[in-house]
Amino acid sequence: MADLELVDPSTGATLGTYAFGTVAAGVASTAKAIRLRYKWGQTGSGLTQNAVLIETSDDGGSTWDSDLAEFTVSVTAVQNPSSDAQFAGTTVAARRTSRLDLPPLRAGCAYDLSLVFYPTLRTGAATTGYTYRVGVLYNEGSREISPNPDLPTGVLTGLGDETVREWITAPTLTNDTDKVTLGELWYVWDGVETGIGSGDVTLNQDDGDSATLSSGEEYVAVLSVGAAGTVTTTKGSLATAGSALTPAYPPGELAVAVVRVPYGGVIVTSTLVAVSGRLLVWASGTGRTVYIGTGRAQMPGRYLVLASRQSYTFLGDTTYELYLDESGAPSIVDGLHLATVTTAGGVVTDVTDARLLLYQGQRPKIFADTDVNGKRLYGIGHPYAGTDQHDAATWGSVMQRIGKRSVSVVADADVATLSGEQTVDGVSLVAGDRVLLSNQTTTTENGKWIVSADAWTRDYDTANAYQCYAGVFCYVRQGTYARQFWVQTADIADYDNDSQVWELMIDLDA
């Protein structure tokens, strides 16, 4: 486990790689406290995500099962929080799971997490007791998930997932006299999208103790954001210029910037620590290097985590496609498509965003696109205000606005009767199959349908105008057009009266 260890919180005794316990047959366990300690000695700009994994065994530890959520887990306290402005340790409400994701360890930081878990009474046919063990998945950047080929591929925004507190976009930062000016910023707080408009943050000559700076002195302030949708200013104590320490800001909030305020009020040194967007790609400003922002993504069979900013340097002057491969590393070969990057004259001349952004939740609603420095960063939906903001936060309910569920076949000739199980393009369709109609005599009938023993229904992922705009596409699995992607190219404003136009986009066998 490298620089991670499990200890007994009451005695400090090291428990080793795993912490073990037992639960007798027919008896619910009592609460048990375990502490996970991140020790000193890390290097670099941060590690990828860690996770606590709880497994059970029915055969005395010969085999272990991590698929069953046998435990209710919570993070009840964060010990010794670091003053690092990007430290993200926070308490976590109890939830039933076998895996609890934890924030990355910052370079040189040390903090403890007090974990309390409650193994529940095992039900069903079990007649013997079982053993459980608690371990840590360390520095994990890529994880296998369901290989379901219909699973959406793209960047996870965190919307609808109550465990997520992360950035969507970062602001600009401009220094001034006794203030800094922040541009508009957007972030996810407990799964809910939150935005703050641009404005000034005043930083006068009084430090966190209300002591006024004198010549040769300074203090450091951290700007952060939380649930309230406002910027919190946390000031440190004054000290000799160059030696003031960064204060600890409110636990769980997202750090925006660290500002060093000198005597005289002319702010020169400030650092924007908010990330620039979930897996956003942007140019370094010199050479052929681009940066990739932090964030999470998924593709069929893989769950990817980038917890620290990465960079990639192109070797020549041409146009490249930049991907994340299945290990979570930048690639120009294949994987999750992030951007098209053009280099000329030894520098990056253009970065075109190619991310497909996913959210979790079953009630989508469009909100305005946000542009930063001329780059469109996202255009996504989130649950309706006034309803449960956190419903359906599971992999199975992840919805995607651009890539739609695959269809069995494409019907390139008119299907006269849109009801009943029937054969289309040589494929016998049964209730629940999806079919794409591309050449109906009544053109408003074009589009995706779900076959039924009775009347067919529109597929729910393209059932209205904001889900069926020009650019959405789907994959075809069978028939004449198997292994092709088809795209809807018409502008749809009135779903019932505007005709959808579906055309071949990519043929994987061509």
Protein backbone atom coordinates (compact mmCIF):
# COMPACT_ATOMS: atom_id res chain seq x y z
CA MET A 1 0.00 0.00 0.00
CA ALA A 2 3.05 2.23 -0.29
CA ASP A 3 2.39 5.29 1.93
CA LEU A 4 -1.05 4.22 3.09
CA GLU A 5 -1.76 2.19 6.21
CA LEU A 6 -4.74 1.00 8.28
CA VAL A 7 -4.51 1.58 12.02
CA ASP A 8 -6.63 1.17 15.14
CA PRO A 9 -7.86 4.71 15.94
CA SER A 10 -7.93 4.10 19.70
CA THR A 11 -4.45 2.57 20.10
CA GLY A 12 -2.64 3.64 16.95
CA ALA A 13 -1.60 0.04 16.33
CA THR A 14 -0.92 -0.79 12.69
CA LEU A 15 -3.39 -3.32 11.30
CA GLY A 16 -1.40 -4.19 8.18
CA THR A 17 -2.47 -4.35 4.55
CA TYR A 18 -5.97 -5.42 5.58
CA ALA A 19 -8.16 -5.02 8.64
CA PHE A 20 -10.09 -8.23 9.40
CA GLY A 21 -13.23 -9.05 11.37
CA THR A 22 -15.93 -11.71 11.67
CA VAL A 23 -19.71 -11.77 11.89
CA ALA A 24 -21.41 -14.81 13.47
CA ALA A 25 -24.25 -16.63 11.72
CA GLY A 26 -27.59 -14.89 12.22
CA VAL A 27 -26.05 -12.01 14.18
CA ALA A 28 -25.62 -8.43 12.97
CA SER A 29 -22.20 -6.98 13.70
CA THR A 30 -21.50 -4.04 15.95
CA ALA A 31 -19.92 -0.82 14.73
CA LYS A 32 -16.17 -0.90 14.24
CA ALA A 33 -13.85 2.05 13.73
CA ILE A 34 -10.86 1.85 11.40
CA ARG A 35 -8.54 4.66 10.42
CA LEU A 36 -6.88 4.99 7.05
CA ARG A 37 -3.73 7.06 7.29
CA TYR A 38 -1.94 8.75 4.44
CA LYS A 39 1.69 9.11 5.54
CA TRP A 40 4.31 11.67 4.62
CA GLY A 41 6.76 11.22 1.79
CA GLN A 42 4.75 11.52 -1.42
CA THR A 43 6.19 13.37 -4.39
CA GLY A 44 4.72 14.83 -7.54
CA SER A 45 1.61 16.92 -8.10
CA GLY A 46 -0.86 14.40 -6.72
CA LEU A 47 -1.93 10.80 -7.04
CA THR A 48 -4.91 9.29 -8.75
CA GLN A 49 -7.93 8.15 -6.85
CA ASN A 50 -7.81 5.74 -3.90
CA ALA A 51 -10.68 3.64 -2.61
CA VAL A 52 -11.56 1.60 0.46
CA LEU A 53 -12.74 -1.89 -0.57
CA ILE A 54 -14.64 -4.20 1.80
CA GLU A 55 -14.80 -7.88 0.88
CA THR A 56 -16.47 -10.91 2.45
CA SER A 57 -15.55 -14.59 2.63
CA ASP A 58 -17.69 -17.64 3.40
CA ASP A 59 -14.79 -20.09 3.39
CA GLY A 60 -12.44 -18.67 5.99
CA GLY A 61 -10.55 -16.37 3.65
CA SER A 62 -9.71 -18.74 0.78
CA THR A 63 -11.80 -16.67 -1.62
CA TRP A 64 -13.11 -13.11 -1.33
CA ASP A 65 -16.22 -11.46 -2.76
CA SER A 66 -16.37 -7.70 -3.38
CA ASP A 67 -19.59 -7.65 -5.42
CA LEU A 68 -22.03 -7.68 -2.50
CA ALA A 69 -22.71 -4.44 -0.66
CA GLU A 70 -22.62 -5.98 2.82
CA PHE A 71 -21.68 -2.83 4.70
CA THR A 72 -22.81 0.67 5.52
CA VAL A 73 -19.74 2.87 5.36
CA SER A 74 -19.15 6.46 6.43
CA VAL A 75 -16.24 8.82 6.90
CA THR A 76 -16.98 10.28 10.32
CA ALA A 77 -13.99 12.61 10.65
CA VAL A 78 -10.93 13.91 8.85
CA GLN A 79 -7.84 14.02 11.04
CA ASN A 80 -4.94 16.47 10.67
CA PRO A 81 -6.17 18.23 7.52
CA SER A 82 -3.41 19.70 5.39
CA SER A 83 -3.11 23.40 4.65
CA ASP A 84 -2.54 22.54 0.99
CA ALA A 85 -5.06 24.60 -0.96
CA GLN A 86 -6.07 21.65 -3.10
CA PHE A 87 -6.62 19.15 -0.29
CA ALA A 88 -10.13 17.73 -0.69
CA GLY A 89 -10.60 15.45 2.33
CA THR A 90 -14.09 15.62 3.81
CA THR A 91 -16.59 13.60 5.80
CA VAL A 92 -18.95 11.32 3.89
CA ALA A 93 -22.49 10.39 4.91
CA ALA A 94 -23.24 6.71 5.54
CA ARG A 95 -24.12 4.67 2.47
CA ARG A 96 -24.53 0.98 1.73
CA THR A 97 -21.67 -0.17 -0.50
CA SER A 98 -18.64 -2.39 -0.73
CA ARG A 99 -16.44 0.39 -2.12
CA LEU A 100 -15.87 3.96 -0.95
CA ASP A 101 -13.92 6.27 -3.24
CA LEU A 102 -11.61 8.76 -1.54
CA PRO A 103 -9.94 11.94 -2.83
CA PRO A 104 -6.34 11.79 -4.07
CA LEU A 105 -3.37 12.34 -1.78
CA ARG A 106 -1.67 15.66 -2.41
CA ALA A 107 2.12 15.80 -2.59
CA GLY A 108 3.70 15.90 0.88
CA CYS A 109 0.37 15.88 2.74
CA ALA A 110 -0.57 13.71 5.70
CA TYR A 111 -4.10 13.16 6.99
CA ASP A 112 -6.17 10.44 8.59
CA LEU A 113 -9.68 9.33 7.75
CA SER A 114 -11.74 7.76 10.50
CA LEU A 115 -13.88 5.05 8.92
CA VAL A 116 -16.80 3.45 10.68
CA PHE A 117 -18.63 0.60 8.98
CA TYR A 118 -21.56 -1.52 10.05
CA PRO A 119 -21.69 -5.00 8.52
CA THR A 120 -25.36 -5.87 8.16
CA LEU A 121 -27.06 -9.12 9.01
CA ARG A 122 -26.56 -11.50 6.12
CA THR A 123 -29.90 -12.86 4.95
CA GLY A 124 -31.03 -15.67 2.68
CA ALA A 125 -29.58 -19.18 2.75
CA ALA A 126 -26.42 -18.35 4.72
CA THR A 127 -26.20 -20.46 7.88
CA THR A 128 -22.57 -19.90 8.82
CA GLY A 129 -20.69 -16.81 9.86
CA TYR A 130 -18.51 -14.88 7.47
CA THR A 131 -15.24 -13.01 7.53
CA TYR A 132 -14.74 -9.51 6.21
CA ARG A 133 -11.61 -7.57 5.35
CA VAL A 134 -11.00 -3.90 4.63
CA GLY A 135 -8.29 -2.95 2.14
CA VAL A 136 -7.25 -0.03 -0.02
CA LEU A 137 -7.03 0.21 -3.80
CA TYR A 138 -4.05 2.53 -4.11
CA ASN A 139 -3.33 5.10 -6.82
CA GLU A 140 -6.03 3.69 -9.08
CA GLY A 141 -6.49 5.44 -12.42
CA SER A 142 -8.40 2.80 -14.37
CA ARG A 143 -10.95 0.23 -13.24
CA GLU A 144 -12.91 -2.47 -15.03
CA ILE A 145 -16.69 -2.11 -15.07
CA SER A 146 -19.48 -3.82 -16.96
CA PRO A 147 -18.47 -4.59 -20.58
CA ASN A 148 -22.01 -3.70 -21.73
CA PRO A 149 -21.51 -2.41 -25.31
CA ASP A 150 -24.49 -0.04 -24.92
CA LEU A 151 -22.88 1.72 -21.97
CA PRO A 152 -22.36 5.39 -22.93
CA THR A 153 -18.80 6.56 -23.55
CA GLY A 154 -17.66 9.98 -22.43
CA VAL A 155 -16.68 12.32 -19.63
CA LEU A 156 -18.66 12.14 -16.38
CA THR A 157 -19.87 15.55 -15.22
CA GLY A 158 -20.96 14.34 -11.79
CA LEU A 159 -24.42 15.88 -12.14
CA GLY A 160 -26.95 13.74 -10.27
CA ASP A 161 -24.29 11.95 -8.20
CA GLU A 162 -24.50 13.16 -4.60
CA THR A 163 -20.93 12.02 -3.86
CA VAL A 164 -19.38 14.48 -6.35
CA ARG A 165 -17.96 17.90 -5.58
CA GLU A 166 -15.85 18.93 -8.57
CA TRP A 167 -15.25 21.64 -11.13
CA ILE A 168 -17.04 22.04 -14.43
CA THR A 169 -15.12 25.13 -15.50
CA ALA A 170 -12.59 27.38 -13.80
CA PRO A 171 -12.69 31.20 -13.75
CA THR A 172 -10.16 33.68 -15.01
CA LEU A 173 -8.13 35.49 -12.34
CA THR A 174 -6.97 39.11 -12.54
CA ASN A 175 -4.88 40.88 -9.85
CA ASP A 176 -5.57 44.41 -8.72
CA THR A 177 -5.03 46.70 -5.73
CA ASP A 178 -6.58 45.22 -2.56
CA LYS A 179 -8.69 42.85 -4.67
CA VAL A 180 -8.73 40.15 -7.33
CA THR A 181 -11.33 39.73 -10.04
CA LEU A 182 -12.71 36.26 -10.78
CA GLY A 183 -14.48 35.35 -14.00
CA GLU A 184 -17.63 33.21 -14.15
CA LEU A 185 -17.19 29.70 -12.77
CA TRP A 186 -19.25 26.50 -12.61
CA TYR A 187 -18.97 23.47 -10.36
CA VAL A 188 -20.85 20.43 -9.10
CA TRP A 189 -21.78 20.36 -5.41
CA ASP A 190 -23.21 17.06 -4.13
CA GLY A 191 -24.32 16.30 -7.67
CA VAL A 192 -26.03 19.65 -8.28
CA GLU A 193 -24.73 22.15 -10.83
CA THR A 194 -23.85 25.51 -9.22
CA GLY A 195 -22.59 28.68 -10.87
CA ILE A 196 -21.08 31.96 -9.72
CA GLY A 197 -20.95 35.08 -11.84
CA SER A 198 -17.82 37.16 -12.34
CA GLY A 199 -16.92 39.82 -9.78
CA ASP A 200 -14.37 41.32 -7.40
CA VAL A 201 -13.13 39.73 -4.18
CA THR A 202 -11.85 42.41 -1.81
CA LEU A 203 -8.64 41.67 0.11
CA ASN A 204 -7.85 44.59 2.37
CA GLN A 205 -4.79 45.13 4.59
CA ASP A 206 -6.23 43.24 7.59
CA ASP A 207 -5.22 39.61 8.06
CA GLY A 208 -7.28 36.74 9.47
CA ASP A 209 -6.78 38.03 13.02
CA SER A 210 -7.87 41.55 12.03
CA ALA A 211 -4.30 42.75 12.45
CA THR A 212 -3.24 45.39 9.92
CA LEU A 213 -0.18 44.79 7.77
CA SER A 214 2.94 46.86 8.31
CA SER A 215 5.84 47.48 5.95
CA GLY A 216 7.57 44.21 4.95
CA GLU A 217 4.62 42.00 5.96
CA GLU A 218 2.00 39.96 4.10
CA TYR A 219 -0.75 37.39 4.58
CA VAL A 220 -2.08 34.59 2.39
CA ALA A 221 -5.78 34.13 1.58
CA VAL A 222 -7.58 31.13 0.09
CA LEU A 223 -10.71 31.70 -2.00
CA SER A 224 -13.08 28.72 -2.06
CA VAL A 225 -16.66 27.81 -2.98
CA GLY A 226 -19.25 25.53 -1.37
CA ALA A 227 -22.95 24.77 -1.19
CA ALA A 228 -24.03 28.41 -0.89
CA GLY A 229 -22.85 29.36 -4.39
CA THR A 230 -20.66 32.19 -3.09
CA VAL A 231 -16.91 32.73 -2.75
CA THR A 232 -15.55 32.21 0.77
CA THR A 233 -12.41 34.18 1.69
CA THR A 234 -10.20 32.58 4.37
CA LYS A 235 -7.28 34.74 5.51
CA GLY A 236 -4.14 33.53 7.23
CA SER A 237 -2.02 35.32 9.83
CA LEU A 238 0.41 38.05 8.80
CA ALA A 239 4.12 37.28 8.66
CA THR A 240 7.31 38.60 7.12
CA ALA A 241 6.99 38.92 3.36
CA GLY A 242 7.67 35.57 1.69
CA SER A 243 6.98 33.49 4.81
CA ALA A 244 3.22 33.78 5.43
CA LEU A 245 1.46 30.40 5.56
CA THR A 246 -1.58 29.26 3.63
CA PRO A 247 -4.60 28.93 5.96
CA ALA A 248 -6.92 25.92 6.14
CA TYR A 249 -10.16 26.82 4.37
CA PRO A 250 -13.59 25.28 5.19
CA PRO A 251 -13.46 21.46 4.94
CA GLY A 252 -14.99 20.04 1.78
CA GLU A 253 -15.11 23.31 -0.15
CA LEU A 254 -13.41 23.62 -3.55
CA ALA A 255 -10.39 25.90 -3.64
CA VAL A 256 -10.52 28.58 -6.33
CA ALA A 257 -7.29 30.55 -5.77
CA VAL A 258 -4.48 31.29 -3.33
CA VAL A 259 -3.59 34.98 -3.08
CA ARG A 260 -0.54 36.53 -1.37
CA VAL A 261 -1.51 40.01 -0.13
CA PRO A 262 1.47 42.32 0.59
CA TYR A 263 1.75 45.52 2.55
CA GLY A 264 0.67 48.34 0.27
CA GLY A 265 -2.14 46.34 -1.32
CA VAL A 266 -0.73 45.83 -4.82
CA ILE A 267 -1.37 42.13 -5.41
CA VAL A 268 1.23 40.55 -7.67
CA THR A 269 1.31 36.91 -6.59
CA SER A 270 -1.83 34.81 -6.94
CA THR A 271 -2.40 31.23 -8.07
CA LEU A 272 -5.57 29.87 -9.67
CA VAL A 273 -5.94 26.33 -8.29
CA ALA A 274 -9.37 25.53 -9.74
CA VAL A 275 -9.06 23.03 -12.56
CA SER A 276 -10.03 24.23 -16.01
CA GLY A 277 -12.69 21.67 -16.76
CA ARG A 278 -13.43 17.96 -16.62
CA LEU A 279 -10.78 16.41 -18.91
CA LEU A 280 -10.58 19.66 -20.85
CA VAL A 281 -7.60 19.95 -23.22
CA TRP A 282 -5.87 23.31 -23.63
CA ALA A 283 -2.57 24.57 -25.06
CA SER A 284 0.39 25.38 -22.84
CA GLY A 285 1.10 28.59 -24.74
CA THR A 286 4.56 27.49 -25.88
CA GLY A 287 5.67 24.53 -27.96
CA ARG A 288 3.52 21.57 -28.93
CA THR A 289 2.41 20.72 -25.38
CA VAL A 290 -1.21 20.55 -24.28
CA TYR A 291 -2.62 20.02 -20.79
CA ILE A 292 -5.44 17.67 -19.82
CA GLY A 293 -7.61 18.69 -16.85
CA THR A 294 -8.65 16.39 -14.04
CA GLY A 295 -11.87 14.40 -14.04
CA ARG A 296 -13.54 11.04 -14.55
CA ALA A 297 -14.73 9.24 -17.65
CA GLN A 298 -16.08 5.91 -18.77
CA MET A 299 -16.01 3.71 -21.82
CA PRO A 300 -17.43 0.20 -22.24
CA GLY A 301 -15.53 -1.96 -19.79
CA ARG A 302 -13.46 0.82 -18.14
CA TYR A 303 -13.90 3.56 -15.55
CA LEU A 304 -11.12 6.18 -15.77
CA VAL A 305 -9.88 8.67 -13.17
CA LEU A 306 -7.46 11.55 -13.70
CA ALA A 307 -6.90 13.17 -10.33
CA SER A 308 -4.00 15.43 -11.34
CA ARG A 309 -3.39 17.54 -14.41
CA GLN A 310 -1.51 15.79 -17.20
CA SER A 311 0.36 17.01 -20.26
CA TYR A 312 1.09 15.62 -23.70
CA THR A 313 3.71 16.86 -26.18
CA PHE A 314 3.22 16.24 -29.89
CA LEU A 315 6.31 15.47 -31.95
CA GLY A 316 5.47 17.10 -35.28
CA ASP A 317 3.41 19.73 -37.05
CA THR A 318 0.12 18.24 -38.23
CA THR A 319 -3.42 17.55 -36.94
CA TYR A 320 -3.77 14.95 -34.18
CA GLU A 321 -6.66 13.24 -32.46
CA LEU A 322 -6.03 13.11 -28.70
CA TYR A 323 -7.54 10.28 -26.64
CA LEU A 324 -7.40 8.68 -23.22
CA ASP A 325 -6.56 5.00 -23.55
CA GLU A 326 -8.13 2.31 -21.36
CA SER A 327 -5.37 2.76 -18.73
CA GLY A 328 -6.20 6.47 -18.38
CA ALA A 329 -3.07 7.68 -20.22
CA PRO A 330 -3.03 10.25 -23.08
CA SER A 331 -2.84 8.63 -26.51
CA ILE A 332 -2.92 9.58 -30.19
CA VAL A 333 -3.92 6.05 -31.20
CA ASP A 334 -7.35 5.25 -29.76
CA GLY A 335 -9.55 5.39 -26.68
CA LEU A 336 -11.88 8.09 -25.36
CA HIS A 337 -11.79 11.04 -27.79
CA LEU A 338 -10.96 14.33 -26.04
CA ALA A 339 -9.88 16.82 -28.70
CA THR A 340 -8.57 17.48 -32.20
CA VAL A 341 -5.25 19.33 -31.89
CA THR A 342 -3.46 21.15 -34.71
CA THR A 343 0.21 22.12 -34.48
CA ALA A 344 2.15 24.33 -36.89
CA GLY A 345 5.47 26.13 -36.66
CA GLY A 346 6.35 24.25 -33.49
CA VAL A 347 3.31 25.46 -31.51
CA VAL A 348 -0.28 24.40 -30.94
CA THR A 349 -2.49 26.53 -33.17
CA ASP A 350 -5.92 25.04 -32.47
CA VAL A 351 -7.66 22.79 -29.95
CA THR A 352 -11.18 21.63 -30.90
CA ASP A 353 -13.16 20.09 -28.04
CA ALA A 354 -14.42 16.57 -28.86
CA ARG A 355 -15.65 15.43 -25.43
CA LEU A 356 -18.98 13.70 -25.01
CA LEU A 357 -20.25 14.71 -21.58
CA LEU A 358 -22.39 12.40 -19.46
CA TYR A 359 -24.53 13.05 -16.42
CA GLN A 360 -26.43 10.85 -13.99
CA GLY A 361 -30.15 11.34 -13.51
CA GLN A 362 -33.38 10.51 -15.32
CA ARG A 363 -34.94 13.96 -15.83
CA PRO A 364 -32.78 15.96 -18.25
CA LYS A 365 -33.20 19.66 -18.88
CA ILE A 366 -31.13 21.93 -21.09
CA PHE A 367 -29.28 24.90 -19.70
CA ALA A 368 -27.13 27.42 -21.54
CA ASP A 369 -23.75 26.50 -22.97
CA THR A 370 -20.80 28.18 -21.28
CA ASP A 371 -17.87 29.58 -23.23
CA VAL A 372 -14.46 30.26 -21.67
CA ASN A 373 -11.77 31.95 -23.76
CA GLY A 374 -13.81 31.25 -26.86
CA LYS A 375 -13.96 27.50 -26.22
CA ARG A 376 -17.31 25.78 -25.74
CA LEU A 377 -16.80 23.57 -22.71
CA TYR A 378 -20.11 21.86 -22.20
CA GLY A 379 -23.76 21.75 -23.12
CA ILE A 380 -25.42 19.28 -20.82
CA GLY A 381 -28.61 18.63 -18.91
CA HIS A 382 -29.32 18.36 -15.22
CA PRO A 383 -32.33 17.30 -13.13
CA TYR A 384 -35.22 19.75 -12.94
CA ALA A 385 -35.08 22.20 -10.05
CA GLY A 386 -37.56 21.33 -7.34
CA THR A 387 -37.27 17.57 -7.85
CA ASP A 388 -34.93 14.98 -6.41
CA GLN A 389 -31.53 16.18 -7.62
CA HIS A 390 -29.84 12.88 -6.85
CA ASP A 391 -32.11 10.22 -8.31
CA ALA A 392 -30.81 7.33 -10.41
CA ALA A 393 -27.14 7.92 -9.66
CA THR A 394 -26.07 4.50 -10.91
CA TRP A 395 -24.03 3.35 -13.90
CA GLY A 396 -27.11 1.76 -15.41
CA SER A 397 -28.98 5.06 -15.54
CA VAL A 398 -26.19 7.23 -16.96
CA MET A 399 -27.63 9.14 -19.90
CA GLN A 400 -25.80 10.76 -22.78
CA ARG A 401 -27.10 13.60 -24.94
CA ILE A 402 -25.11 12.84 -28.10
CA GLY A 403 -24.50 9.09 -28.35
CA LYS A 404 -27.83 7.22 -28.13
CA ARG A 405 -28.63 3.58 -27.38
CA SER A 406 -27.80 1.22 -30.23
CA VAL A 407 -30.48 -0.18 -32.56
CA SER A 408 -30.89 -3.70 -33.91
CA VAL A 409 -31.44 -2.63 -37.53
CA VAL A 410 -32.04 0.29 -39.87
CA ALA A 411 -35.19 0.22 -42.00
CA ASP A 412 -34.27 1.96 -45.28
CA ALA A 413 -37.72 1.36 -46.80
CA ASP A 414 -41.12 2.38 -45.53
CA VAL A 415 -42.45 0.29 -42.63
CA ALA A 416 -46.18 0.41 -43.20
CA THR A 417 -47.37 -0.75 -39.79
CA LEU A 418 -45.66 0.58 -36.68
CA SER A 419 -46.95 -2.12 -34.40
CA GLY A 420 -46.35 -5.76 -33.57
CA GLU A 421 -43.30 -8.00 -33.77
CA GLN A 422 -42.13 -8.21 -37.38
CA THR A 423 -39.11 -8.80 -39.62
CA VAL A 424 -37.10 -5.77 -40.75
CA ASP A 425 -34.00 -6.05 -42.98
CA GLY A 426 -33.99 -9.81 -42.49
CA VAL A 427 -33.94 -9.60 -38.69
CA SER A 428 -36.88 -10.88 -36.62
CA LEU A 429 -37.63 -8.11 -34.16
CA VAL A 430 -39.30 -8.87 -30.84
CA ALA A 431 -40.76 -6.63 -28.14
CA GLY A 432 -38.07 -4.41 -26.64
CA ASP A 433 -35.84 -4.29 -29.74
CA ARG A 434 -34.93 -0.89 -31.15
CA VAL A 435 -35.19 -0.02 -34.85
CA LEU A 436 -34.13 3.10 -36.74
CA LEU A 437 -36.57 4.21 -39.46
CA SER A 438 -34.73 6.29 -42.07
CA ASN A 439 -37.00 6.38 -45.14
CA GLN A 440 -40.64 6.54 -44.07
CA THR A 441 -43.24 7.80 -46.56
CA THR A 442 -44.52 10.00 -43.74
CA THR A 443 -41.15 11.56 -42.97
CA THR A 444 -42.13 12.71 -39.47
CA GLU A 445 -42.13 8.99 -38.56
CA ASN A 446 -38.37 8.73 -39.15
CA GLY A 447 -36.28 8.09 -36.06
CA LYS A 448 -35.73 5.52 -33.33
CA TRP A 449 -38.59 3.26 -32.23
CA ILE A 450 -39.02 0.52 -29.64
CA VAL A 451 -40.78 -2.58 -30.96
CA SER A 452 -43.85 -3.76 -29.05
CA ALA A 453 -46.47 -6.49 -29.41
CA ASP A 454 -48.90 -3.57 -29.73
CA ALA A 455 -48.18 -0.06 -31.06
CA TRP A 456 -44.50 0.86 -31.22
CA THR A 457 -43.27 3.77 -29.09
CA ARG A 458 -40.57 6.34 -29.67
CA ASP A 459 -37.26 5.46 -28.03
CA TYR A 460 -37.02 7.46 -24.82
CA ASP A 461 -33.51 8.80 -25.56
CA THR A 462 -34.75 10.61 -28.72
CA ALA A 463 -38.36 11.28 -27.74
CA ASN A 464 -38.32 15.09 -27.91
CA ALA A 465 -36.56 17.97 -29.66
CA TYR A 466 -33.85 18.57 -27.06
CA GLN A 467 -32.82 14.91 -27.21
CA CYS A 468 -32.89 14.66 -31.00
CA TYR A 469 -30.99 17.69 -32.26
CA ALA A 470 -28.64 17.57 -35.27
CA GLY A 471 -25.56 15.57 -34.34
CA VAL A 472 -26.98 12.78 -32.18
CA PHE A 473 -26.00 9.33 -33.39
CA CYS A 474 -26.43 5.62 -32.69
CA TYR A 475 -24.75 2.30 -33.50
CA VAL A 476 -26.39 -0.44 -35.64
CA ARG A 477 -25.81 -4.04 -34.50
CA GLN A 478 -27.45 -6.26 -37.15
CA GLY A 479 -28.70 -6.45 -40.73
CA THR A 480 -27.41 -4.74 -43.86
CA TYR A 481 -26.03 -1.79 -41.90
CA ALA A 482 -24.39 -3.71 -39.04
CA ARG A 483 -21.27 -2.07 -37.53
CA GLN A 484 -22.26 1.37 -38.76
CA PHE A 485 -22.98 4.63 -36.91
CA TRP A 486 -25.92 6.73 -38.16
CA VAL A 487 -26.37 10.42 -37.36
CA GLN A 488 -29.45 12.67 -37.26
CA THR A 489 -28.67 15.81 -39.35
CA ALA A 490 -31.86 17.90 -39.35
CA ASP A 491 -32.59 20.84 -37.04
CA ILE A 492 -35.53 19.70 -34.91
CA ALA A 493 -37.58 22.42 -33.23
CA ASP A 494 -41.09 20.92 -33.34
CA TYR A 495 -40.65 17.21 -32.64
CA ASP A 496 -44.10 16.17 -33.83
CA ASN A 497 -43.99 18.10 -37.11
CA ASP A 498 -40.30 18.33 -38.09
CA SER A 499 -38.82 15.45 -40.09
CA GLN A 500 -35.76 13.63 -38.77
CA VAL A 501 -33.02 12.90 -41.31
CA TRP A 502 -30.79 9.94 -40.43
CA GLU A 503 -27.69 9.29 -42.53
CA LEU A 504 -24.63 7.03 -42.45
CA MET A 505 -21.86 8.60 -40.39
CA ILE A 506 -19.20 5.88 -39.96
CA ASP A 507 -18.87 2.39 -41.43
CA LEU A 508 -16.44 0.37 -39.33
CA ASP A 509 -15.99 -2.16 -42.13
CA ALA A 510 -15.31 0.37 -44.89
